[in-house]
Amino acid sequence: MNREMQRRLKARGWSVGTATDFLNLTPEEERLVELRLALCHAVKERRKKEKIPQEELAERMKTSQSRIAKIESCDSHVSTDMMFNAYFALGASLRDASRIIAAAARKEEIIL
């Protein structure tokens, strides 16, 4: 949101802040949310880049296509372990995973 929009909202009595402020997240919770978001986006982007259908990834992981869709949509009911399993099932290395963690720490876009 640009500064002009923030100024206009504040002038009308609205409060402007971050999701962390709104949800009252601790710094630890904020880092976990950033990591989960980075990881689920990385799974989706890598799968698309490799041109692997969700069904094929599901077969590799011995799970369902709907579970893959939940991973890629960052569903809160999907464990971080499952997200990493999907990422590794796509051929990612530990080095690739460390890049995601580092990018999440920097809140930057991940280059796959």
N, C-alpha and C. Protein backbone atom coordinates (compact mmCIF):
# COMPACT_ATOMS: atom_id res chain seq x y z
N MET A 1 0.85 -1.16 0.00
CA MET A 1 0.00 0.00 0.00
C MET A 1 0.90 1.24 0.00
N ASN A 2 0.59 2.18 -0.87
CA ASN A 2 1.43 3.37 -0.95
C ASN A 2 1.11 4.36 0.18
N ARG A 3 2.00 5.30 0.36
CA ARG A 3 1.87 6.24 1.48
C ARG A 3 0.65 7.14 1.37
N GLU A 4 0.30 7.50 0.15
CA GLU A 4 -0.88 8.36 -0.03
C GLU A 4 -2.14 7.63 0.41
N MET A 5 -2.26 6.37 0.06
CA MET A 5 -3.41 5.57 0.47
C MET A 5 -3.44 5.45 1.99
N GLN A 6 -2.28 5.20 2.60
CA GLN A 6 -2.21 5.12 4.06
C GLN A 6 -2.66 6.43 4.70
N ARG A 7 -2.21 7.54 4.15
CA ARG A 7 -2.56 8.85 4.69
C ARG A 7 -4.07 9.06 4.63
N ARG A 8 -4.68 8.72 3.49
CA ARG A 8 -6.13 8.90 3.33
C ARG A 8 -6.92 8.00 4.28
N LEU A 9 -6.45 6.77 4.45
CA LEU A 9 -7.14 5.86 5.37
C LEU A 9 -7.05 6.37 6.81
N LYS A 10 -5.87 6.81 7.20
CA LYS A 10 -5.69 7.33 8.56
C LYS A 10 -6.55 8.56 8.79
N ALA A 11 -6.65 9.41 7.77
CA ALA A 11 -7.46 10.62 7.88
C ALA A 11 -8.94 10.28 8.09
N ARG A 12 -9.37 9.12 7.62
CA ARG A 12 -10.75 8.69 7.78
C ARG A 12 -10.96 7.82 9.02
N GLY A 13 -9.93 7.72 9.85
CA GLY A 13 -10.06 7.00 11.11
C GLY A 13 -9.64 5.55 11.10
N TRP A 14 -9.12 5.09 9.98
CA TRP A 14 -8.67 3.71 9.90
C TRP A 14 -7.28 3.57 10.51
N SER A 15 -6.99 2.39 11.00
CA SER A 15 -5.66 2.07 11.50
C SER A 15 -4.93 1.28 10.43
N VAL A 16 -3.69 1.62 10.19
CA VAL A 16 -2.89 0.94 9.17
C VAL A 16 -1.74 0.23 9.86
N GLY A 17 -1.58 -1.05 9.58
CA GLY A 17 -0.51 -1.82 10.19
C GLY A 17 -0.21 -3.07 9.37
N THR A 18 0.52 -3.97 9.96
CA THR A 18 0.89 -5.22 9.29
C THR A 18 0.02 -6.36 9.79
N ALA A 19 0.10 -7.48 9.12
CA ALA A 19 -0.61 -8.68 9.56
C ALA A 19 -0.11 -9.09 10.94
N THR A 20 1.17 -8.90 11.18
CA THR A 20 1.75 -9.22 12.49
C THR A 20 1.10 -8.38 13.58
N ASP A 21 0.91 -7.10 13.30
CA ASP A 21 0.24 -6.23 14.27
C ASP A 21 -1.21 -6.67 14.49
N PHE A 22 -1.91 -6.93 13.40
CA PHE A 22 -3.32 -7.28 13.47
C PHE A 22 -3.53 -8.60 14.22
N LEU A 23 -2.68 -9.57 13.96
CA LEU A 23 -2.82 -10.89 14.59
C LEU A 23 -2.08 -11.00 15.91
N ASN A 24 -1.37 -9.94 16.26
CA ASN A 24 -0.60 -9.90 17.51
C ASN A 24 0.37 -11.08 17.59
N LEU A 25 1.13 -11.29 16.50
CA LEU A 25 2.07 -12.39 16.44
C LEU A 25 3.35 -12.05 17.19
N THR A 26 3.92 -13.05 17.80
CA THR A 26 5.25 -12.88 18.40
C THR A 26 6.27 -12.91 17.26
N PRO A 27 7.48 -12.45 17.50
CA PRO A 27 8.50 -12.53 16.44
C PRO A 27 8.73 -13.97 15.96
N GLU A 28 8.65 -14.93 16.87
CA GLU A 28 8.82 -16.33 16.48
C GLU A 28 7.69 -16.80 15.57
N GLU A 29 6.47 -16.43 15.90
CA GLU A 29 5.32 -16.80 15.07
C GLU A 29 5.41 -16.13 13.70
N GLU A 30 5.84 -14.89 13.68
CA GLU A 30 5.99 -14.19 12.40
C GLU A 30 7.01 -14.90 11.51
N ARG A 31 8.13 -15.33 12.09
CA ARG A 31 9.15 -16.03 11.30
C ARG A 31 8.61 -17.35 10.77
N LEU A 32 7.85 -18.06 11.57
CA LEU A 32 7.27 -19.33 11.13
C LEU A 32 6.27 -19.11 9.99
N VAL A 33 5.46 -18.08 10.09
CA VAL A 33 4.51 -17.76 9.02
C VAL A 33 5.26 -17.42 7.74
N GLU A 34 6.30 -16.62 7.84
CA GLU A 34 7.10 -16.26 6.66
C GLU A 34 7.72 -17.50 6.02
N LEU A 35 8.24 -18.41 6.85
CA LEU A 35 8.84 -19.64 6.33
C LEU A 35 7.80 -20.50 5.63
N ARG A 36 6.65 -20.69 6.25
CA ARG A 36 5.60 -21.51 5.65
C ARG A 36 5.14 -20.94 4.31
N LEU A 37 4.96 -19.61 4.26
CA LEU A 37 4.55 -18.98 3.01
C LEU A 37 5.60 -19.16 1.92
N ALA A 38 6.85 -18.96 2.27
CA ALA A 38 7.94 -19.12 1.30
C ALA A 38 8.00 -20.57 0.81
N LEU A 39 7.83 -21.50 1.71
CA LEU A 39 7.94 -22.91 1.35
C LEU A 39 6.78 -23.37 0.46
N CYS A 40 5.57 -23.00 0.79
CA CYS A 40 4.44 -23.45 -0.04
C CYS A 40 4.51 -22.82 -1.43
N HIS A 41 4.97 -21.57 -1.51
CA HIS A 41 5.12 -20.94 -2.83
C HIS A 41 6.26 -21.60 -3.62
N ALA A 42 7.31 -21.99 -2.93
CA ALA A 42 8.43 -22.66 -3.60
C ALA A 42 8.01 -24.02 -4.16
N VAL A 43 7.19 -24.75 -3.41
CA VAL A 43 6.70 -26.05 -3.89
C VAL A 43 5.91 -25.84 -5.18
N LYS A 44 5.00 -24.90 -5.16
CA LYS A 44 4.16 -24.65 -6.33
C LYS A 44 4.98 -24.21 -7.53
N GLU A 45 5.90 -23.28 -7.32
CA GLU A 45 6.72 -22.77 -8.43
C GLU A 45 7.63 -23.85 -8.99
N ARG A 46 8.23 -24.66 -8.13
CA ARG A 46 9.13 -25.71 -8.61
C ARG A 46 8.33 -26.76 -9.38
N ARG A 47 7.15 -27.12 -8.88
CA ARG A 47 6.33 -28.11 -9.58
C ARG A 47 5.95 -27.61 -10.96
N LYS A 48 5.56 -26.35 -11.04
CA LYS A 48 5.19 -25.77 -12.34
C LYS A 48 6.39 -25.70 -13.27
N LYS A 49 7.53 -25.29 -12.72
CA LYS A 49 8.76 -25.18 -13.53
C LYS A 49 9.15 -26.54 -14.11
N GLU A 50 8.98 -27.59 -13.31
CA GLU A 50 9.31 -28.95 -13.75
C GLU A 50 8.19 -29.58 -14.59
N LYS A 51 7.06 -28.87 -14.71
CA LYS A 51 5.90 -29.34 -15.48
C LYS A 51 5.40 -30.69 -14.95
N ILE A 52 5.30 -30.77 -13.63
CA ILE A 52 4.81 -31.97 -12.97
C ILE A 52 3.39 -31.70 -12.47
N PRO A 53 2.42 -32.49 -12.90
CA PRO A 53 1.05 -32.30 -12.41
C PRO A 53 0.95 -32.62 -10.92
N GLN A 54 -0.03 -32.02 -10.28
CA GLN A 54 -0.25 -32.30 -8.85
C GLN A 54 -0.46 -33.79 -8.61
N GLU A 55 -1.14 -34.45 -9.53
CA GLU A 55 -1.41 -35.88 -9.37
C GLU A 55 -0.11 -36.68 -9.32
N GLU A 56 0.86 -36.32 -10.16
CA GLU A 56 2.13 -37.04 -10.18
C GLU A 56 2.91 -36.81 -8.88
N LEU A 57 2.92 -35.58 -8.42
CA LEU A 57 3.59 -35.29 -7.16
C LEU A 57 2.92 -36.06 -6.02
N ALA A 58 1.60 -36.14 -6.06
CA ALA A 58 0.86 -36.89 -5.04
C ALA A 58 1.26 -38.37 -5.06
N GLU A 59 1.41 -38.94 -6.25
CA GLU A 59 1.84 -40.34 -6.36
C GLU A 59 3.23 -40.53 -5.78
N ARG A 60 4.14 -39.61 -6.06
CA ARG A 60 5.50 -39.70 -5.53
C ARG A 60 5.50 -39.68 -4.01
N MET A 61 4.58 -38.92 -3.43
CA MET A 61 4.53 -38.76 -1.98
C MET A 61 3.58 -39.75 -1.31
N LYS A 62 2.89 -40.55 -2.13
CA LYS A 62 1.89 -41.49 -1.61
C LYS A 62 0.82 -40.74 -0.79
N THR A 63 0.30 -39.70 -1.42
CA THR A 63 -0.77 -38.90 -0.82
C THR A 63 -1.77 -38.56 -1.91
N SER A 64 -2.66 -37.65 -1.63
CA SER A 64 -3.70 -37.30 -2.60
C SER A 64 -3.39 -35.98 -3.31
N GLN A 65 -4.03 -35.81 -4.46
CA GLN A 65 -3.88 -34.56 -5.21
C GLN A 65 -4.42 -33.40 -4.39
N SER A 66 -5.49 -33.64 -3.64
CA SER A 66 -6.06 -32.55 -2.84
C SER A 66 -5.09 -32.11 -1.74
N ARG A 67 -4.29 -33.03 -1.22
CA ARG A 67 -3.28 -32.67 -0.22
C ARG A 67 -2.20 -31.77 -0.87
N ILE A 68 -1.84 -32.06 -2.10
CA ILE A 68 -0.86 -31.23 -2.81
C ILE A 68 -1.44 -29.84 -3.01
N ALA A 69 -2.72 -29.77 -3.39
CA ALA A 69 -3.37 -28.47 -3.55
C ALA A 69 -3.36 -27.69 -2.24
N LYS A 70 -3.57 -28.38 -1.13
CA LYS A 70 -3.54 -27.71 0.18
C LYS A 70 -2.13 -27.22 0.51
N ILE A 71 -1.13 -28.01 0.17
CA ILE A 71 0.26 -27.58 0.38
C ILE A 71 0.51 -26.29 -0.38
N GLU A 72 0.13 -26.29 -1.66
CA GLU A 72 0.40 -25.15 -2.52
C GLU A 72 -0.41 -23.91 -2.16
N SER A 73 -1.52 -24.09 -1.47
CA SER A 73 -2.33 -22.95 -1.06
C SER A 73 -2.02 -22.51 0.36
N CYS A 74 -0.99 -23.09 0.94
CA CYS A 74 -0.53 -22.73 2.29
C CYS A 74 -1.60 -22.99 3.35
N ASP A 75 -2.36 -24.05 3.17
CA ASP A 75 -3.40 -24.40 4.13
C ASP A 75 -2.78 -24.58 5.52
N SER A 76 -3.41 -24.02 6.51
CA SER A 76 -2.86 -24.06 7.87
C SER A 76 -2.88 -25.46 8.47
N HIS A 77 -3.62 -26.38 7.87
CA HIS A 77 -3.70 -27.75 8.39
C HIS A 77 -2.59 -28.66 7.85
N VAL A 78 -1.76 -28.12 6.96
CA VAL A 78 -0.66 -28.89 6.39
C VAL A 78 0.60 -28.60 7.21
N SER A 79 1.27 -29.65 7.63
CA SER A 79 2.47 -29.47 8.45
C SER A 79 3.64 -28.96 7.62
N THR A 80 4.56 -28.32 8.29
CA THR A 80 5.78 -27.87 7.64
C THR A 80 6.57 -29.08 7.14
N ASP A 81 6.52 -30.18 7.87
CA ASP A 81 7.18 -31.41 7.42
C ASP A 81 6.64 -31.85 6.06
N MET A 82 5.32 -31.82 5.92
CA MET A 82 4.71 -32.22 4.65
C MET A 82 5.15 -31.29 3.52
N MET A 83 5.26 -30.00 3.82
CA MET A 83 5.71 -29.05 2.80
C MET A 83 7.13 -29.36 2.36
N PHE A 84 8.02 -29.64 3.33
CA PHE A 84 9.39 -30.01 2.98
C PHE A 84 9.42 -31.33 2.21
N ASN A 85 8.61 -32.29 2.62
CA ASN A 85 8.56 -33.57 1.89
C ASN A 85 8.18 -33.34 0.43
N ALA A 86 7.20 -32.48 0.19
CA ALA A 86 6.79 -32.18 -1.19
C ALA A 86 7.93 -31.52 -1.95
N TYR A 87 8.60 -30.59 -1.31
CA TYR A 87 9.71 -29.88 -1.96
C TYR A 87 10.82 -30.86 -2.33
N PHE A 88 11.16 -31.76 -1.42
CA PHE A 88 12.20 -32.74 -1.70
C PHE A 88 11.75 -33.76 -2.73
N ALA A 89 10.46 -34.11 -2.75
CA ALA A 89 9.94 -35.03 -3.75
C ALA A 89 10.03 -34.44 -5.16
N LEU A 90 10.14 -33.13 -5.23
CA LEU A 90 10.30 -32.46 -6.52
C LEU A 90 11.77 -32.38 -6.93
N GLY A 91 12.65 -33.00 -6.15
CA GLY A 91 14.06 -33.02 -6.50
C GLY A 91 14.90 -31.93 -5.86
N ALA A 92 14.31 -31.18 -4.96
CA ALA A 92 15.05 -30.10 -4.30
C ALA A 92 16.12 -30.69 -3.37
N SER A 93 17.19 -29.95 -3.19
CA SER A 93 18.27 -30.37 -2.31
C SER A 93 18.19 -29.62 -0.99
N LEU A 94 19.03 -30.01 -0.05
CA LEU A 94 19.12 -29.27 1.20
C LEU A 94 19.58 -27.84 0.94
N ARG A 95 20.45 -27.66 -0.02
CA ARG A 95 20.90 -26.32 -0.38
C ARG A 95 19.72 -25.47 -0.88
N ASP A 96 18.85 -26.08 -1.70
CA ASP A 96 17.65 -25.37 -2.17
C ASP A 96 16.78 -24.96 -0.99
N ALA A 97 16.61 -25.88 -0.04
CA ALA A 97 15.79 -25.59 1.14
C ALA A 97 16.42 -24.47 1.97
N SER A 98 17.74 -24.48 2.07
CA SER A 98 18.39 -23.42 2.85
C SER A 98 18.21 -22.06 2.19
N ARG A 99 18.14 -22.05 0.86
CA ARG A 99 17.88 -20.78 0.16
C ARG A 99 16.49 -20.25 0.49
N ILE A 100 15.53 -21.14 0.60
CA ILE A 100 14.18 -20.72 0.95
C ILE A 100 14.16 -20.14 2.36
N ILE A 101 14.83 -20.81 3.27
CA ILE A 101 14.88 -20.32 4.64
C ILE A 101 15.55 -18.95 4.69
N ALA A 102 16.67 -18.81 3.98
CA ALA A 102 17.38 -17.53 3.96
C ALA A 102 16.53 -16.44 3.33
N ALA A 103 15.83 -16.77 2.24
CA ALA A 103 14.98 -15.78 1.58
C ALA A 103 13.81 -15.38 2.47
N ALA A 104 13.25 -16.35 3.19
CA ALA A 104 12.15 -16.04 4.11
C ALA A 104 12.64 -15.11 5.20
N ALA A 105 13.87 -15.32 5.64
CA ALA A 105 14.45 -14.46 6.67
C ALA A 105 14.62 -13.03 6.16
N ARG A 106 14.92 -12.92 4.88
CA ARG A 106 15.10 -11.60 4.27
C ARG A 106 13.79 -11.04 3.73
N LYS A 107 12.75 -11.90 3.71
CA LYS A 107 11.44 -11.52 3.14
C LYS A 107 11.60 -11.07 1.69
N GLU A 108 12.42 -11.80 0.97
CA GLU A 108 12.65 -11.50 -0.43
C GLU A 108 11.96 -12.54 -1.29
N GLU A 109 11.87 -12.24 -2.57
CA GLU A 109 11.33 -13.19 -3.51
C GLU A 109 12.36 -14.29 -3.69
N ILE A 110 11.88 -15.50 -3.79
CA ILE A 110 12.76 -16.66 -3.91
C ILE A 110 13.03 -16.93 -5.39
N ILE A 111 14.29 -17.12 -5.70
CA ILE A 111 14.68 -17.47 -7.07
C ILE A 111 14.95 -18.96 -7.10
N LEU A 112 14.19 -19.67 -7.91
CA LEU A 112 14.32 -21.13 -7.96
C LEU A 112 15.26 -21.55 -9.06
